[in-house]
């Protein structure tokens, strides 16, 4: 079993608009199982030149129809970004689903810090 760890991801790009916007911060759980209809941090396959793509936020649509352990992922904005429907992408292997998005953090997150730590 993969250890679970909380983290923060920063949204770059417009592929998940209107759900998420550039600059949004997300609380994510690394090592969590994907859930249909929920957002996840995924590793898309390398581009046509073999260069790795950055991690991406996508919506988990369904298990791979070919019966593998993979997942089909989709973008919310049909005019921006890549998803499993793009040529050369297809299903994302289970190991490529890096984290499940738990929630979007408020833009103005005020944390209380004790005076002795400031």
Protein backbone atom coordinates (compact mmCIF):
# COMPACT_ATOMS: atom_id res chain seq x y z
CA UNK A 1 0.00 0.00 0.00
CA UNK A 2 1.30 3.45 -0.95
CA UNK A 3 1.72 5.79 2.03
CA UNK A 4 -0.71 8.70 2.07
CA UNK A 5 0.56 12.23 2.45
CA UNK A 6 -1.16 15.62 2.28
CA UNK A 7 0.22 18.27 -0.04
CA UNK A 8 -0.63 21.49 -1.84
CA UNK A 9 -0.79 21.80 -5.61
CA UNK A 10 -0.91 25.06 -7.58
CA UNK A 11 -3.09 25.27 -10.70
CA UNK A 12 -1.37 26.43 -13.87
CA UNK A 13 -3.23 26.82 -17.14
CA UNK A 14 -6.90 26.91 -18.08
CA UNK A 15 -7.77 23.28 -18.87
CA UNK A 16 -9.99 22.91 -15.78
CA UNK A 17 -11.99 26.16 -16.15
CA UNK A 18 -14.64 26.92 -15.00
CA UNK A 19 -14.04 24.53 -12.06
CA UNK A 20 -10.49 25.70 -11.31
CA UNK A 21 -8.57 28.80 -12.32
CA UNK A 22 -4.93 29.76 -12.77
CA UNK A 23 -3.41 30.36 -9.34
CA UNK A 24 -5.88 28.25 -7.34
CA UNK A 25 -4.31 26.16 -4.59
CA UNK A 26 -5.52 22.63 -3.92
CA UNK A 27 -5.24 20.37 -0.91
CA UNK A 28 -4.33 16.93 -2.28
CA UNK A 29 -3.84 13.48 -0.82
CA UNK A 30 -0.92 11.63 -2.42
CA UNK A 31 -1.33 7.86 -2.60
CA UNK A 32 -5.15 8.02 -2.51
CA UNK A 33 -7.20 5.92 -4.90
CA UNK A 34 -8.87 7.79 -7.77
CA UNK A 35 -12.64 8.21 -7.68
CA UNK A 36 -14.88 8.59 -10.73
CA UNK A 37 -16.00 12.17 -11.21
CA UNK A 38 -13.43 13.59 -8.78
CA UNK A 39 -10.31 15.62 -9.58
CA UNK A 40 -6.83 14.11 -9.47
CA UNK A 41 -3.22 15.10 -10.02
CA UNK A 42 -1.95 12.98 -12.92
CA UNK A 43 1.24 12.35 -14.86
CA UNK A 44 0.36 12.57 -18.55
CA UNK A 45 2.55 10.57 -20.97
CA UNK A 46 5.60 12.21 -22.52
CA UNK A 47 4.99 14.44 -25.54
CA UNK A 48 5.71 13.37 -29.14
CA UNK A 49 9.37 14.39 -28.77
CA UNK A 50 9.73 12.25 -25.63
CA UNK A 51 9.87 15.19 -23.22
CA UNK A 52 8.02 14.75 -19.92
CA UNK A 53 4.93 16.85 -19.35
CA UNK A 54 4.31 18.58 -16.00
CA UNK A 55 1.84 17.11 -13.53
CA UNK A 56 -1.73 18.07 -14.41
CA UNK A 57 -5.12 18.35 -12.73
CA UNK A 58 -7.80 16.30 -14.49
CA UNK A 59 -11.22 14.82 -13.77
CA UNK A 60 -11.25 11.02 -13.39
CA UNK A 61 -13.86 9.89 -15.93
CA UNK A 62 -13.80 6.07 -15.89
CA UNK A 63 -11.65 2.98 -15.82
CA UNK A 64 -9.83 2.13 -19.03
CA UNK A 65 -12.32 0.40 -21.36
CA UNK A 66 -9.51 -1.89 -22.53
CA UNK A 67 -9.54 -3.57 -19.11
CA UNK A 68 -6.12 -2.45 -17.88
CA UNK A 69 -5.48 -0.85 -14.50
CA UNK A 70 -5.61 2.58 -16.17
CA UNK A 71 -8.02 5.48 -15.90
CA UNK A 72 -9.45 7.86 -18.49
CA UNK A 73 -9.12 11.48 -17.40
CA UNK A 74 -10.74 14.57 -18.85
CA UNK A 75 -10.36 18.34 -18.81
CA UNK A 76 -13.32 20.58 -18.01
CA UNK A 77 -12.43 23.17 -20.67
CA UNK A 78 -12.70 21.66 -24.17
CA UNK A 79 -10.64 24.49 -25.70
CA UNK A 80 -7.55 24.14 -23.49
CA UNK A 81 -5.10 21.41 -22.48
CA UNK A 82 -4.94 17.66 -22.98
CA UNK A 83 -6.85 14.67 -21.70
CA UNK A 84 -7.27 10.96 -22.46
CA UNK A 85 -9.08 11.75 -25.71
CA UNK A 86 -5.97 13.40 -27.21
CA UNK A 87 -3.82 11.43 -29.63
CA UNK A 88 -0.91 9.85 -27.76
CA UNK A 89 -2.48 10.17 -24.30
CA UNK A 90 -5.21 7.55 -23.77
CA UNK A 91 -5.64 5.86 -20.40
CA UNK A 92 -3.40 6.95 -17.54
CA UNK A 93 -1.88 3.96 -15.70
CA UNK A 94 -2.82 3.65 -12.02
CA UNK A 95 0.75 4.66 -11.10
CA UNK A 96 0.23 7.89 -13.07
CA UNK A 97 -2.60 8.98 -10.77
CA UNK A 98 -0.43 10.73 -8.20
CA UNK A 99 -2.98 12.32 -5.84
CA UNK A 100 -6.67 12.94 -5.29
CA UNK A 101 -7.81 16.55 -4.94
CA UNK A 102 -9.60 17.01 -1.62
CA UNK A 103 -10.54 20.69 -1.88
CA UNK A 104 -9.65 24.09 -3.27
CA UNK A 105 -8.08 26.32 -0.63
CA UNK A 106 -9.41 29.84 -0.10
CA UNK A 107 -7.38 32.56 -1.81
CA UNK A 108 -6.92 34.40 1.46
CA UNK A 109 -5.98 31.73 3.93
CA UNK A 110 -5.19 33.37 7.25
CA UNK A 111 -3.25 31.15 9.59
CA UNK A 112 -2.84 31.93 13.24
CA UNK A 113 0.83 31.83 14.21
CA UNK A 114 1.82 32.12 17.88
CA UNK A 115 3.79 35.30 18.65
CA UNK A 116 6.82 33.31 19.78
CA UNK A 117 7.11 31.75 16.32
CA UNK A 118 6.82 34.99 14.33
